[in-house]
Amino acid sequence: MLRKVLVIIVSSTISFFCFNGCDKTSSDAEPNEEVIKTVAEYEAEAEAQINEENMAEELEKIEKALEQEISEEP
């Protein structure tokens, strides 16, 4: 009898903590989470920023950034 009562108490305690531990909702998310952009968002941003007048300048910026990344790699 004591064993059954102990098993019921332990089971209900474990169940209680399991169900309460899963209450985190999306509104409880960390405020410092980074937003990940999709390919379509990057393309739309690039189309808005790059036009025919500044195309050469933007290409040079991209090339310099790539060269810098390559030089920083071990």
Protein backbone atom coordinates (compact mmCIF):
# COMPACT_ATOMS: atom_id res chain seq x y z
CA MET A 1 0.00 0.00 0.00
CA LEU A 2 2.78 2.45 0.94
CA ARG A 3 4.62 1.53 -2.23
CA LYS A 4 1.58 2.34 -4.41
CA VAL A 5 1.12 5.70 -2.72
CA LEU A 6 4.81 6.52 -3.18
CA VAL A 7 4.70 5.58 -6.88
CA ILE A 8 1.59 7.74 -7.40
CA ILE A 9 3.17 10.73 -5.64
CA VAL A 10 6.44 10.42 -7.57
CA SER A 11 4.60 9.97 -10.89
CA SER A 12 2.35 12.94 -10.33
CA THR A 13 5.30 15.11 -9.24
CA ILE A 14 7.29 14.21 -12.36
CA SER A 15 4.26 14.82 -14.56
CA PHE A 16 3.64 18.19 -12.93
CA PHE A 17 7.19 19.38 -13.59
CA CYS A 18 7.23 18.03 -17.15
CA PHE A 19 4.03 19.83 -18.11
CA ASN A 20 5.02 23.06 -16.40
CA GLY A 21 8.45 23.02 -18.01
CA CYS A 22 6.88 23.13 -21.48
CA ASP A 23 4.99 26.39 -20.94
CA LYS A 24 7.51 28.58 -22.78
CA THR A 25 5.75 30.39 -25.60
CA SER A 26 7.14 32.40 -28.49
CA SER A 27 6.47 35.63 -26.58
CA ASP A 28 8.88 34.38 -23.90
CA ALA A 29 11.67 34.20 -26.48
CA GLU A 30 14.96 35.95 -25.91
CA PRO A 31 14.86 39.59 -27.05
CA ASN A 32 18.37 39.28 -28.52
CA GLU A 33 17.42 36.62 -31.05
CA GLU A 34 18.77 37.34 -34.50
CA VAL A 35 16.28 37.61 -37.36
CA ILE A 36 17.28 35.47 -40.33
CA LYS A 37 16.56 36.88 -43.78
CA THR A 38 15.46 34.77 -46.72
CA VAL A 39 17.02 34.79 -50.17
CA ALA A 40 14.07 36.77 -51.51
CA GLU A 41 14.55 39.44 -48.84
CA TYR A 42 18.25 39.76 -49.69
CA GLU A 43 17.43 40.04 -53.40
CA ALA A 44 14.80 42.72 -52.79
CA GLU A 45 17.23 44.65 -50.58
CA ALA A 46 19.97 44.42 -53.21
CA GLU A 47 17.64 45.59 -55.98
CA ALA A 48 16.67 48.59 -53.89
CA GLN A 49 20.28 49.54 -53.05
CA ILE A 50 22.08 48.76 -56.32
CA ASN A 51 21.24 50.58 -59.52
CA GLU A 52 23.08 51.27 -62.80
CA GLU A 53 24.79 54.41 -61.47
CA ASN A 54 26.39 52.82 -58.42
CA MET A 55 26.85 49.30 -59.79
CA ALA A 56 30.64 49.63 -60.19
CA GLU A 57 31.05 51.02 -56.65
CA GLU A 58 28.97 48.22 -55.13
CA LEU A 59 30.97 45.62 -57.06
CA GLU A 60 34.22 47.07 -55.70
CA LYS A 61 32.82 46.97 -52.14
CA ILE A 62 31.87 43.32 -52.55
CA GLU A 63 35.28 42.42 -54.01
CA LYS A 64 37.10 44.18 -51.15
CA ALA A 65 34.95 42.40 -48.57
CA LEU A 66 35.68 39.05 -50.21
CA GLU A 67 39.42 39.75 -50.37
CA GLN A 68 39.40 40.73 -46.70
CA GLU A 69 37.55 37.53 -45.71
CA ILE A 70 39.97 35.43 -47.73
CA SER A 71 43.00 37.11 -46.15
CA GLU A 72 41.59 36.57 -42.63
CA GLU A 73 41.13 32.82 -43.08
CA PRO A 74 43.97 30.66 -41.76
